[in-house]
Amino acid sequence: MQTHFLLITTGALLIEALVGYPRPLYRLIRHPVVWFGALIGWLDRRLNRDGQSFARRRAMGILALLLLLLATVLPALAMQEALLRLHWAGIGLLALLAATLPAQRSLHEHVAAVADGLEERGLEGGRAAVAMIVGRNPESLDEAGVVRAATESLAENFSDGIVAPALWCAVGGLPGAVFYKAVNTADSMVGHRSARHAAYGWASARLDDVVNLPASRLAALWIILAASLTPGADVGGAMRAVWRDARHHRSPNAGWPEAAMAGALGLRLAGPRIYGDQRVDDGWMGDGRAEATPADLRRALSLYRLACRLQLVAVAWGAALLLG
């Protein structure tokens, strides 16, 4: 069974890297994350009521998360059981379905758009592009701030948008990847500490921290290995930054890939930043330059592409070993 899961993961990563999620398909049926989001929003409106006590809201958040997982993972499990009876054809179909869940290609496109915006339209172009991928106030960012924000987003989303779904797919096949993506979507929608979701989103936020913990460490490893194969990248700096700085990030997981990327590029990432009109204090990742340039963002994208390839090779190699 584990061989099947590794083969599904290999196929999913390869398919998604080559074609992404086709726009015509999105226009026709949207995306699984949109489906998950619709259910999460419906549960939020029905179960998270004003006037409830903190304990009641927390209990409703736990119930909502359980209902979400039952509604998404059980159908994926039934589908996998049925398709695996078709042997190789079933593995191929499961890989095609699982390919909708990682986001290698779209993440690259969104971050590359920031570099393009800065190079072609200056600061305003970079701000407009980076506003599509980060929550902080783009008007507060100079060029270096735009580059750092995009680089941080690239590193963090490499972990939770690519490595984590691949890892959980390798562990549990399509249901494993669906489980992870449902939890991660719930965290992104209700896991933040707003007044409405401080209690209700507690379960989603905590479970997301747990399921992302191994992936964040693995993402840092892929970035370090990519740095070791990239001329001009500082593999020693990446290792030192992870060892020294990752634990000082406000997120228990984001600091690992961000520190690895910062050290490899000779930059400083994270640190104090502004979301909306609120200043958020955070530890610095790396001890290099804060004055990042569009060329640094291109270097980050190059490291990212190589890290994605290393992950694909590792998963395929694992499948080949089990096949014997």
C-alpha atoms as a PDB file:
ATOM      1  CA  MET A   1       0.000   0.000   0.000  1.00  0.00           C
ATOM      2  CA  GLN A   2       2.803   2.438   0.809  1.00  0.00           C
ATOM      3  CA  THR A   3       4.228   1.834  -2.665  1.00  0.00           C
ATOM      4  CA  HIS A   4       0.873   2.866  -4.136  1.00  0.00           C
ATOM      5  CA  PHE A   5       0.879   6.072  -2.092  1.00  0.00           C
ATOM      6  CA  LEU A   6       4.394   6.993  -3.214  1.00  0.00           C
ATOM      7  CA  LEU A   7       3.482   6.318  -6.833  1.00  0.00           C
ATOM      8  CA  ILE A   8       0.364   8.480  -6.496  1.00  0.00           C
ATOM      9  CA  THR A   9       2.452  11.259  -4.963  1.00  0.00           C
ATOM     10  CA  THR A  10       5.093  11.026  -7.690  1.00  0.00           C
ATOM     11  CA  GLY A  11       2.463  11.214 -10.400  1.00  0.00           C
ATOM     12  CA  ALA A  12       0.622  14.070  -8.699  1.00  0.00           C
ATOM     13  CA  LEU A  13       3.753  16.206  -8.323  1.00  0.00           C
ATOM     14  CA  LEU A  14       4.817  15.559 -11.906  1.00  0.00           C
ATOM     15  CA  ILE A  15       1.384  16.320 -13.377  1.00  0.00           C
ATOM     16  CA  GLU A  16       0.953  19.507 -11.343  1.00  0.00           C
ATOM     17  CA  ALA A  17       4.453  20.744 -12.191  1.00  0.00           C
ATOM     18  CA  LEU A  18       3.766  20.266 -15.902  1.00  0.00           C
ATOM     19  CA  VAL A  19       0.221  21.610 -16.246  1.00  0.00           C
ATOM     20  CA  GLY A  20      -0.817  23.128 -12.926  1.00  0.00           C
ATOM     21  CA  TYR A  21      -4.578  23.456 -12.495  1.00  0.00           C
ATOM     22  CA  PRO A  22      -5.946  24.359 -15.952  1.00  0.00           C
ATOM     23  CA  ARG A  23      -7.949  27.597 -16.047  1.00  0.00           C
ATOM     24  CA  PRO A  24     -10.751  26.094 -18.191  1.00  0.00           C
ATOM     25  CA  LEU A  25     -11.198  23.391 -15.537  1.00  0.00           C
ATOM     26  CA  TYR A  26     -11.293  26.043 -12.808  1.00  0.00           C
ATOM     27  CA  ARG A  27     -13.953  27.992 -14.700  1.00  0.00           C
ATOM     28  CA  LEU A  28     -15.980  24.815 -15.154  1.00  0.00           C
ATOM     29  CA  ILE A  29     -15.860  23.253 -11.676  1.00  0.00           C
ATOM     30  CA  ARG A  30     -13.715  25.640  -9.593  1.00  0.00           C
ATOM     31  CA  HIS A  31     -11.075  23.971  -7.351  1.00  0.00           C
ATOM     32  CA  PRO A  32     -11.227  21.522  -4.419  1.00  0.00           C
ATOM     33  CA  VAL A  33     -10.035  24.282  -2.075  1.00  0.00           C
ATOM     34  CA  VAL A  34     -13.008  26.397  -3.193  1.00  0.00           C
ATOM     35  CA  TRP A  35     -15.316  23.465  -2.388  1.00  0.00           C
ATOM     36  CA  PHE A  36     -13.690  23.065   1.033  1.00  0.00           C
ATOM     37  CA  GLY A  37     -13.980  26.803   1.608  1.00  0.00           C
ATOM     38  CA  ALA A  38     -17.672  26.825   0.787  1.00  0.00           C
ATOM     39  CA  LEU A  39     -18.315  24.108   3.385  1.00  0.00           C
ATOM     40  CA  ILE A  40     -16.126  25.836   5.973  1.00  0.00           C
ATOM     41  CA  GLY A  41     -17.980  29.117   5.417  1.00  0.00           C
ATOM     42  CA  TRP A  42     -21.381  27.386   5.710  1.00  0.00           C
ATOM     43  CA  LEU A  43     -20.369  25.689   8.973  1.00  0.00           C
ATOM     44  CA  ASP A  44     -19.022  28.990  10.318  1.00  0.00           C
ATOM     45  CA  ARG A  45     -22.331  30.741   9.637  1.00  0.00           C
ATOM     46  CA  ARG A  46     -24.386  27.924  11.185  1.00  0.00           C
ATOM     47  CA  LEU A  47     -22.309  27.010  14.215  1.00  0.00           C
ATOM     48  CA  ASN A  48     -20.341  30.122  15.200  1.00  0.00           C
ATOM     49  CA  ARG A  49     -23.102  32.308  16.616  1.00  0.00           C
ATOM     50  CA  ASP A  50     -22.797  35.676  18.341  1.00  0.00           C
ATOM     51  CA  GLY A  51     -23.600  35.577  22.041  1.00  0.00           C
ATOM     52  CA  GLN A  52     -22.183  32.103  22.632  1.00  0.00           C
ATOM     53  CA  SER A  53     -19.679  31.626  25.438  1.00  0.00           C
ATOM     54  CA  PHE A  54     -15.982  31.141  24.650  1.00  0.00           C
ATOM     55  CA  ALA A  55     -16.206  27.460  25.643  1.00  0.00           C
ATOM     56  CA  ARG A  56     -19.302  26.936  23.491  1.00  0.00           C
ATOM     57  CA  ARG A  57     -17.641  28.546  20.477  1.00  0.00           C
ATOM     58  CA  ARG A  58     -14.538  26.405  20.936  1.00  0.00           C
ATOM     59  CA  ALA A  59     -16.706  23.255  21.104  1.00  0.00           C
ATOM     60  CA  MET A  60     -18.542  24.329  17.937  1.00  0.00           C
ATOM     61  CA  GLY A  61     -15.180  24.848  16.214  1.00  0.00           C
ATOM     62  CA  ILE A  62     -14.115  21.310  17.113  1.00  0.00           C
ATOM     63  CA  LEU A  63     -17.439  19.966  15.801  1.00  0.00           C
ATOM     64  CA  ALA A  64     -17.081  21.964  12.571  1.00  0.00           C
ATOM     65  CA  LEU A  65     -13.587  20.596  11.981  1.00  0.00           C
ATOM     66  CA  LEU A  66     -14.783  17.022  12.529  1.00  0.00           C
ATOM     67  CA  LEU A  67     -17.700  17.519  10.125  1.00  0.00           C
ATOM     68  CA  LEU A  68     -15.366  19.025   7.530  1.00  0.00           C
ATOM     69  CA  LEU A  69     -12.997  16.066   7.739  1.00  0.00           C
ATOM     70  CA  LEU A  70     -15.808  13.525   7.573  1.00  0.00           C
ATOM     71  CA  ALA A  71     -17.289  15.256   4.518  1.00  0.00           C
ATOM     72  CA  THR A  72     -13.977  15.408   2.642  1.00  0.00           C
ATOM     73  CA  VAL A  73     -11.786  12.506   3.755  1.00  0.00           C
ATOM     74  CA  LEU A  74     -14.403   9.746   3.719  1.00  0.00           C
ATOM     75  CA  PRO A  75     -15.352  10.279   0.038  1.00  0.00           C
ATOM     76  CA  ALA A  76     -11.644  10.400  -0.862  1.00  0.00           C
ATOM     77  CA  LEU A  77     -11.069   7.156   1.032  1.00  0.00           C
ATOM     78  CA  ALA A  78     -13.969   5.440  -0.752  1.00  0.00           C
ATOM     79  CA  MET A  79     -12.727   6.703  -4.108  1.00  0.00           C
ATOM     80  CA  GLN A  80      -9.212   5.450  -3.415  1.00  0.00           C
ATOM     81  CA  GLU A  81     -10.430   2.011  -2.347  1.00  0.00           C
ATOM     82  CA  ALA A  82     -12.454   1.702  -5.547  1.00  0.00           C
ATOM     83  CA  LEU A  83      -9.771   2.989  -7.911  1.00  0.00           C
ATOM     84  CA  LEU A  84      -6.951   0.888  -6.477  1.00  0.00           C
ATOM     85  CA  ARG A  85      -8.874  -2.191  -7.664  1.00  0.00           C
ATOM     86  CA  LEU A  86      -8.009  -0.995 -11.193  1.00  0.00           C
ATOM     87  CA  HIS A  87      -4.292  -1.372 -10.355  1.00  0.00           C
ATOM     88  CA  TRP A  88      -2.092   0.842 -12.576  1.00  0.00           C
ATOM     89  CA  ALA A  89      -5.026   2.640 -14.192  1.00  0.00           C
ATOM     90  CA  GLY A  90      -6.401   3.405 -10.750  1.00  0.00           C
ATOM     91  CA  ILE A  91      -3.047   4.704  -9.523  1.00  0.00           C
ATOM     92  CA  GLY A  92      -2.924   6.992 -12.553  1.00  0.00           C
ATOM     93  CA  LEU A  93      -6.422   8.324 -11.895  1.00  0.00           C
ATOM     94  CA  LEU A  94      -5.635   8.879  -8.212  1.00  0.00           C
ATOM     95  CA  ALA A  95      -2.459  10.757  -9.181  1.00  0.00           C
ATOM     96  CA  LEU A  96      -4.536  12.951 -11.480  1.00  0.00           C
ATOM     97  CA  LEU A  97      -6.976  13.718  -8.661  1.00  0.00           C
ATOM     98  CA  ALA A  98      -4.187  14.324  -6.130  1.00  0.00           C
ATOM     99  CA  ALA A  99      -2.473  16.691  -8.594  1.00  0.00           C
ATOM    100  CA  THR A 100      -5.195  19.251  -7.806  1.00  0.00           C
ATOM    101  CA  LEU A 101      -3.869  19.700  -4.259  1.00  0.00           C
ATOM    102  CA  PRO A 102      -0.193  20.831  -4.413  1.00  0.00           C
ATOM    103  CA  ALA A 103       0.509  24.251  -5.953  1.00  0.00           C
ATOM    104  CA  GLN A 104       4.063  24.203  -7.346  1.00  0.00           C
ATOM    105  CA  ARG A 105       3.219  25.909 -10.607  1.00  0.00           C
ATOM    106  CA  SER A 106       0.786  28.534  -9.332  1.00  0.00           C
ATOM    107  CA  LEU A 107       3.075  29.544  -6.463  1.00  0.00           C
ATOM    108  CA  HIS A 108       5.929  30.063  -8.912  1.00  0.00           C
ATOM    109  CA  GLU A 109       3.685  32.127 -11.200  1.00  0.00           C
ATOM    110  CA  HIS A 110       2.458  34.384  -8.397  1.00  0.00           C
ATOM    111  CA  VAL A 111       5.921  35.059  -6.978  1.00  0.00           C
ATOM    112  CA  ALA A 112       7.479  35.514 -10.427  1.00  0.00           C
ATOM    113  CA  ALA A 113       4.756  38.113 -11.093  1.00  0.00           C
ATOM    114  CA  VAL A 114       6.188  40.183  -8.231  1.00  0.00           C
ATOM    115  CA  ALA A 115       9.653  40.134  -9.795  1.00  0.00           C
ATOM    116  CA  ASP A 116       8.122  40.976 -13.179  1.00  0.00           C
ATOM    117  CA  GLY A 117       6.137  43.844 -11.648  1.00  0.00           C
ATOM    118  CA  LEU A 118       9.187  45.362 -10.008  1.00  0.00           C
ATOM    119  CA  GLU A 119      11.348  45.023 -13.114  1.00  0.00           C
ATOM    120  CA  GLU A 120       8.719  46.256 -15.594  1.00  0.00           C
ATOM    121  CA  ARG A 121       6.592  48.762 -13.627  1.00  0.00           C
ATOM    122  CA  GLY A 122       8.699  49.691 -10.637  1.00  0.00           C
ATOM    123  CA  LEU A 123       7.562  49.832  -7.030  1.00  0.00           C
ATOM    124  CA  GLU A 124       3.842  50.212  -7.779  1.00  0.00           C
ATOM    125  CA  GLY A 125       3.925  47.147 -10.029  1.00  0.00           C
ATOM    126  CA  GLY A 126       5.657  45.143  -7.321  1.00  0.00           C
ATOM    127  CA  ARG A 127       3.216  46.302  -4.650  1.00  0.00           C
ATOM    128  CA  ALA A 128       0.213  45.365  -6.787  1.00  0.00           C
ATOM    129  CA  ALA A 129       1.594  41.878  -7.427  1.00  0.00           C
ATOM    130  CA  VAL A 130       2.706  41.177  -3.858  1.00  0.00           C
ATOM    131  CA  ALA A 131      -0.712  42.235  -2.519  1.00  0.00           C
ATOM    132  CA  MET A 132      -2.082  39.113  -4.237  1.00  0.00           C
ATOM    133  CA  ILE A 133      -0.011  36.735  -2.093  1.00  0.00           C
ATOM    134  CA  VAL A 134       0.569  38.399   1.322  1.00  0.00           C
ATOM    135  CA  GLY A 135      -1.711  39.911   3.933  1.00  0.00           C
ATOM    136  CA  ARG A 136       0.452  42.847   4.930  1.00  0.00           C
ATOM    137  CA  ASN A 137      -0.179  46.422   3.840  1.00  0.00           C
ATOM    138  CA  PRO A 138       1.653  46.828   0.492  1.00  0.00           C
ATOM    139  CA  GLU A 139       1.711  50.621   0.817  1.00  0.00           C
ATOM    140  CA  SER A 140       4.044  50.229   3.788  1.00  0.00           C
ATOM    141  CA  LEU A 141       6.626  48.375   1.660  1.00  0.00           C
ATOM    142  CA  ASP A 142       9.569  49.813  -0.239  1.00  0.00           C
ATOM    143  CA  GLU A 143      11.220  47.746  -2.988  1.00  0.00           C
ATOM    144  CA  ALA A 144      13.282  45.720  -0.507  1.00  0.00           C
ATOM    145  CA  GLY A 145      10.169  45.136   1.590  1.00  0.00           C
ATOM    146  CA  VAL A 146       8.242  43.881  -1.442  1.00  0.00           C
ATOM    147  CA  VAL A 147      11.053  41.448  -2.283  1.00  0.00           C
ATOM    148  CA  ARG A 148      11.319  40.202   1.293  1.00  0.00           C
ATOM    149  CA  ALA A 149       7.536  39.724   1.537  1.00  0.00           C
ATOM    150  CA  ALA A 150       7.453  37.729  -1.713  1.00  0.00           C
ATOM    151  CA  THR A 151      10.471  35.648  -0.679  1.00  0.00           C
ATOM    152  CA  GLU A 152       8.925  34.876   2.713  1.00  0.00           C
ATOM    153  CA  SER A 153       5.670  33.874   1.017  1.00  0.00           C
ATOM    154  CA  LEU A 154       7.572  31.638  -1.404  1.00  0.00           C
ATOM    155  CA  ALA A 155       9.399  29.864   1.424  1.00  0.00           C
ATOM    156  CA  GLU A 156       6.374  29.463   3.699  1.00  0.00           C
ATOM    157  CA  ASN A 157       4.060  28.328   0.915  1.00  0.00           C
ATOM    158  CA  PHE A 158       6.671  25.892  -0.361  1.00  0.00           C
ATOM    159  CA  SER A 159       6.203  24.180   2.988  1.00  0.00           C
ATOM    160  CA  ASP A 160       2.430  24.279   3.409  1.00  0.00           C
ATOM    161  CA  GLY A 161       1.413  24.412  -0.258  1.00  0.00           C
ATOM    162  CA  ILE A 162       3.771  21.816  -1.749  1.00  0.00           C
ATOM    163  CA  VAL A 163       5.784  19.797   0.767  1.00  0.00           C
ATOM    164  CA  ALA A 164       2.923  19.221   3.210  1.00  0.00           C
ATOM    165  CA  PRO A 165       0.329  17.908   0.719  1.00  0.00           C
ATOM    166  CA  ALA A 166       3.019  15.739  -0.878  1.00  0.00           C
ATOM    167  CA  LEU A 167       4.072  14.370   2.509  1.00  0.00           C
ATOM    168  CA  TRP A 168       0.519  13.546   3.578  1.00  0.00           C
ATOM    169  CA  CYS A 169      -0.200  12.025   0.169  1.00  0.00           C
ATOM    170  CA  ALA A 170       2.885   9.821   0.592  1.00  0.00           C
ATOM    171  CA  VAL A 171       1.568   8.778   4.016  1.00  0.00           C
ATOM    172  CA  GLY A 172      -2.064   8.188   3.115  1.00  0.00           C
ATOM    173  CA  GLY A 173      -2.614   8.585  -0.600  1.00  0.00           C
ATOM    174  CA  LEU A 174      -5.469  10.796  -1.822  1.00  0.00           C
ATOM    175  CA  PRO A 175      -7.296  10.784   1.566  1.00  0.00           C
ATOM    176  CA  GLY A 176      -4.071  11.897   3.269  1.00  0.00           C
ATOM    177  CA  ALA A 177      -3.655  14.829   0.900  1.00  0.00           C
ATOM    178  CA  VAL A 178      -7.344  15.753   1.205  1.00  0.00           C
ATOM    179  CA  PHE A 179      -7.110  15.582   5.012  1.00  0.00           C
ATOM    180  CA  TYR A 180      -4.179  17.968   5.005  1.00  0.00           C
ATOM    181  CA  LYS A 181      -5.708  20.410   2.509  1.00  0.00           C
ATOM    182  CA  ALA A 182      -9.004  20.544   4.404  1.00  0.00           C
ATOM    183  CA  VAL A 183      -7.223  21.333   7.679  1.00  0.00           C
ATOM    184  CA  ASN A 184      -4.996  23.936   6.037  1.00  0.00           C
ATOM    185  CA  THR A 185      -7.956  25.635   4.333  1.00  0.00           C
ATOM    186  CA  ALA A 186      -9.880  25.715   7.602  1.00  0.00           C
ATOM    187  CA  ASP A 187      -6.923  27.340   9.331  1.00  0.00           C
ATOM    188  CA  SER A 188      -6.597  29.974   6.607  1.00  0.00           C
ATOM    189  CA  MET A 189     -10.298  30.853   6.887  1.00  0.00           C
ATOM    190  CA  VAL A 190     -11.121  30.610  10.595  1.00  0.00           C
ATOM    191  CA  GLY A 191      -7.816  29.933  12.353  1.00  0.00           C
ATOM    192  CA  HIS A 192      -6.745  33.556  12.768  1.00  0.00           C
ATOM    193  CA  ARG A 193      -7.142  35.332  16.101  1.00  0.00           C
ATOM    194  CA  SER A 194     -10.017  37.669  15.271  1.00  0.00           C
ATOM    195  CA  ALA A 195     -12.744  38.281  17.823  1.00  0.00           C
ATOM    196  CA  ARG A 196     -15.098  36.044  15.859  1.00  0.00           C
ATOM    197  CA  HIS A 197     -12.683  33.148  15.467  1.00  0.00           C
ATOM    198  CA  ALA A 198     -10.452  33.268  18.562  1.00  0.00           C
ATOM    199  CA  ALA A 199     -12.367  30.366  20.127  1.00  0.00           C
ATOM    200  CA  TYR A 200     -14.121  28.834  17.124  1.00  0.00           C
ATOM    201  CA  GLY A 201     -10.917  28.586  15.063  1.00  0.00           C
ATOM    202  CA  TRP A 202      -8.772  27.196  17.880  1.00  0.00           C
ATOM    203  CA  ALA A 203      -9.048  23.541  16.800  1.00  0.00           C
ATOM    204  CA  SER A 204      -8.286  24.304  13.134  1.00  0.00           C
ATOM    205  CA  ALA A 205      -5.280  26.444  14.020  1.00  0.00           C
ATOM    206  CA  ARG A 206      -3.804  23.927  16.454  1.00  0.00           C
ATOM    207  CA  LEU A 207      -4.314  20.940  14.147  1.00  0.00           C
ATOM    208  CA  ASP A 208      -2.788  22.890  11.254  1.00  0.00           C
ATOM    209  CA  ASP A 209       0.292  23.549  13.397  1.00  0.00           C
ATOM    210  CA  VAL A 210       0.605  19.825  14.102  1.00  0.00           C
ATOM    211  CA  VAL A 211       0.145  18.568  10.533  1.00  0.00           C
ATOM    212  CA  ASN A 212       2.550  21.192   9.175  1.00  0.00           C
ATOM    213  CA  LEU A 213       5.288  20.488  11.707  1.00  0.00           C
ATOM    214  CA  PRO A 214       7.057  17.639   9.835  1.00  0.00           C
ATOM    215  CA  ALA A 215       6.597  19.328   6.453  1.00  0.00           C
ATOM    216  CA  SER A 216       8.186  22.595   7.603  1.00  0.00           C
ATOM    217  CA  ARG A 217      11.331  20.763   8.720  1.00  0.00           C
ATOM    218  CA  LEU A 218      11.402  18.777   5.482  1.00  0.00           C
ATOM    219  CA  ALA A 219      10.926  21.969   3.440  1.00  0.00           C
ATOM    220  CA  ALA A 220      13.969  23.487   5.151  1.00  0.00           C
ATOM    221  CA  LEU A 221      15.954  20.362   4.268  1.00  0.00           C
ATOM    222  CA  TRP A 222      14.979  20.582   0.572  1.00  0.00           C
ATOM    223  CA  ILE A 223      16.009  24.251   0.487  1.00  0.00           C
ATOM    224  CA  ILE A 224      19.345  23.460   2.160  1.00  0.00           C
ATOM    225  CA  LEU A 225      19.995  20.640  -0.312  1.00  0.00           C
ATOM    226  CA  ALA A 226      19.040  22.927  -3.207  1.00  0.00           C
ATOM    227  CA  ALA A 227      21.483  25.531  -1.879  1.00  0.00           C
ATOM    228  CA  SER A 228      24.229  22.916  -1.799  1.00  0.00           C
ATOM    229  CA  LEU A 229      23.703  22.363  -5.546  1.00  0.00           C
ATOM    230  CA  THR A 230      23.361  26.035  -6.509  1.00  0.00           C
ATOM    231  CA  PRO A 231      26.480  28.098  -7.298  1.00  0.00           C
ATOM    232  CA  GLY A 232      26.543  31.239  -5.180  1.00  0.00           C
ATOM    233  CA  ALA A 233      24.057  29.991  -2.598  1.00  0.00           C
ATOM    234  CA  ASP A 234      25.300  29.721   0.985  1.00  0.00           C
ATOM    235  CA  VAL A 235      24.475  26.226   2.248  1.00  0.00           C
ATOM    236  CA  GLY A 236      26.325  26.844   5.513  1.00  0.00           C
ATOM    237  CA  GLY A 237      24.413  30.073   6.025  1.00  0.00           C
ATOM    238  CA  ALA A 238      21.135  28.239   5.428  1.00  0.00           C
ATOM    239  CA  MET A 239      21.980  25.597   8.024  1.00  0.00           C
ATOM    240  CA  ARG A 240      23.109  28.177  10.579  1.00  0.00           C
ATOM    241  CA  ALA A 241      19.995  30.297  10.089  1.00  0.00           C
ATOM    242  CA  VAL A 242      17.703  27.307  10.594  1.00  0.00           C
ATOM    243  CA  TRP A 243      19.551  26.192  13.707  1.00  0.00           C
ATOM    244  CA  ARG A 244      19.745  29.692  15.197  1.00  0.00           C
ATOM    245  CA  ASP A 245      16.619  31.528  14.037  1.00  0.00           C
ATOM    246  CA  ALA A 246      13.754  29.177  13.092  1.00  0.00           C
ATOM    247  CA  ARG A 247      12.495  28.791  16.649  1.00  0.00           C
ATOM    248  CA  HIS A 248      12.261  32.576  17.095  1.00  0.00           C
ATOM    249  CA  HIS A 249       9.593  32.994  14.383  1.00  0.00           C
ATOM    250  CA  ARG A 250       6.090  33.776  15.666  1.00  0.00           C
ATOM    251  CA  SER A 251       4.841  30.727  13.729  1.00  0.00           C
ATOM    252  CA  PRO A 252       5.970  27.308  15.007  1.00  0.00           C
ATOM    253  CA  ASN A 253       6.524  26.189  11.409  1.00  0.00           C
ATOM    254  CA  ALA A 254       7.067  29.104   8.999  1.00  0.00           C
ATOM    255  CA  GLY A 255      10.455  29.963  10.489  1.00  0.00           C
ATOM    256  CA  TRP A 256      12.061  26.766   9.197  1.00  0.00           C
ATOM    257  CA  PRO A 257      11.746  27.292   5.440  1.00  0.00           C
ATOM    258  CA  GLU A 258      12.057  31.081   5.798  1.00  0.00           C
ATOM    259  CA  ALA A 259      15.286  30.783   7.786  1.00  0.00           C
ATOM    260  CA  ALA A 260      16.681  28.281   5.276  1.00  0.00           C
ATOM    261  CA  MET A 261      15.849  30.580   2.359  1.00  0.00           C
ATOM    262  CA  ALA A 262      17.239  33.653   4.130  1.00  0.00           C
ATOM    263  CA  GLY A 263      20.524  31.957   4.985  1.00  0.00           C
ATOM    264  CA  ALA A 264      20.922  30.477   1.510  1.00  0.00           C
ATOM    265  CA  LEU A 265      20.434  33.895  -0.136  1.00  0.00           C
ATOM    266  CA  GLY A 266      22.395  35.932   2.406  1.00  0.00           C
ATOM    267  CA  LEU A 267      19.282  37.924   3.397  1.00  0.00           C
ATOM    268  CA  ARG A 268      17.304  38.844   6.488  1.00  0.00           C
ATOM    269  CA  LEU A 269      13.641  37.850   6.317  1.00  0.00           C
ATOM    270  CA  ALA A 270      10.604  38.155   8.606  1.00  0.00           C
ATOM    271  CA  GLY A 271      11.261  40.632  11.419  1.00  0.00           C
ATOM    272  CA  PRO A 272       8.756  43.398  12.349  1.00  0.00           C
ATOM    273  CA  ARG A 273       6.102  44.057   9.686  1.00  0.00           C
ATOM    274  CA  ILE A 274       2.708  45.696   9.225  1.00  0.00           C
ATOM    275  CA  TYR A 275      -0.600  43.897   8.557  1.00  0.00           C
ATOM    276  CA  GLY A 276      -3.335  46.393   7.767  1.00  0.00           C
ATOM    277  CA  ASP A 277      -2.611  49.114  10.320  1.00  0.00           C
ATOM    278  CA  GLN A 278      -1.136  46.761  12.915  1.00  0.00           C
ATOM    279  CA  ARG A 279       2.578  46.304  13.545  1.00  0.00           C
ATOM    280  CA  VAL A 280       3.584  42.696  14.239  1.00  0.00           C
ATOM    281  CA  ASP A 281       6.910  42.085  15.948  1.00  0.00           C
ATOM    282  CA  ASP A 282       8.774  38.960  14.923  1.00  0.00           C
ATOM    283  CA  GLY A 283      12.272  37.540  14.985  1.00  0.00           C
ATOM    284  CA  TRP A 284      14.628  38.017  12.059  1.00  0.00           C
ATOM    285  CA  MET A 285      15.430  34.957   9.978  1.00  0.00           C
ATOM    286  CA  GLY A 286      19.042  35.085   8.753  1.00  0.00           C
ATOM    287  CA  ASP A 287      21.672  37.727   9.421  1.00  0.00           C
ATOM    288  CA  GLY A 288      22.375  38.975   5.899  1.00  0.00           C
ATOM    289  CA  ARG A 289      21.183  41.992   3.927  1.00  0.00           C
ATOM    290  CA  ALA A 290      17.764  43.528   4.564  1.00  0.00           C
ATOM    291  CA  GLU A 291      18.048  45.491   1.302  1.00  0.00           C
ATOM    292  CA  ALA A 292      16.794  42.732  -0.962  1.00  0.00           C
ATOM    293  CA  THR A 293      16.521  43.286  -4.725  1.00  0.00           C
ATOM    294  CA  PRO A 294      14.473  41.745  -7.565  1.00  0.00           C
ATOM    295  CA  ALA A 295      17.595  39.754  -8.468  1.00  0.00           C
ATOM    296  CA  ASP A 296      17.396  38.126  -5.010  1.00  0.00           C
ATOM    297  CA  LEU A 297      13.807  37.141  -5.717  1.00  0.00           C
ATOM    298  CA  ARG A 298      14.904  35.512  -8.988  1.00  0.00           C
ATOM    299  CA  ARG A 299      17.549  33.593  -7.021  1.00  0.00           C
ATOM    300  CA  ALA A 300      14.891  32.495  -4.527  1.00  0.00           C
ATOM    301  CA  LEU A 301      12.720  31.220  -7.376  1.00  0.00           C
ATOM    302  CA  SER A 302      15.676  29.266  -8.755  1.00  0.00           C
ATOM    303  CA  LEU A 303      16.237  27.619  -5.359  1.00  0.00           C
ATOM    304  CA  TYR A 304      12.527  26.880  -5.129  1.00  0.00           C
ATOM    305  CA  ARG A 305      12.430  25.148  -8.510  1.00  0.00           C
ATOM    306  CA  LEU A 306      15.392  22.974  -7.593  1.00  0.00           C
ATOM    307  CA  ALA A 307      13.898  22.145  -4.176  1.00  0.00           C
ATOM    308  CA  CYS A 308      10.676  21.019  -5.909  1.00  0.00           C
ATOM    309  CA  ARG A 309      12.682  18.793  -8.236  1.00  0.00           C
ATOM    310  CA  LEU A 310      14.624  17.292  -5.337  1.00  0.00           C
ATOM    311  CA  GLN A 311      11.381  16.425  -3.587  1.00  0.00           C
ATOM    312  CA  LEU A 312      10.012  14.783  -6.745  1.00  0.00           C
ATOM    313  CA  VAL A 313      13.194  12.737  -7.206  1.00  0.00           C
ATOM    314  CA  ALA A 314      13.160  11.626  -3.560  1.00  0.00           C
ATOM    315  CA  VAL A 315       9.530  10.478  -3.719  1.00  0.00           C
ATOM    316  CA  ALA A 316      10.066   8.671  -7.037  1.00  0.00           C
ATOM    317  CA  TRP A 317      13.217   7.015  -5.682  1.00  0.00           C
ATOM    318  CA  GLY A 318      11.306   5.830  -2.622  1.00  0.00           C
ATOM    319  CA  ALA A 319       8.620   4.342  -4.845  1.00  0.00           C
ATOM    320  CA  ALA A 320      11.259   2.618  -6.996  1.00  0.00           C
ATOM    321  CA  LEU A 321      12.937   1.107  -3.921  1.00  0.00           C
ATOM    322  CA  LEU A 322       9.649  -0.316  -2.656  1.00  0.00           C
ATOM    323  CA  LEU A 323       8.816  -1.686  -6.081  1.00  0.00           C
ATOM    324  CA  GLY A 324      12.134  -3.542  -5.876  1.00  0.00           C
END
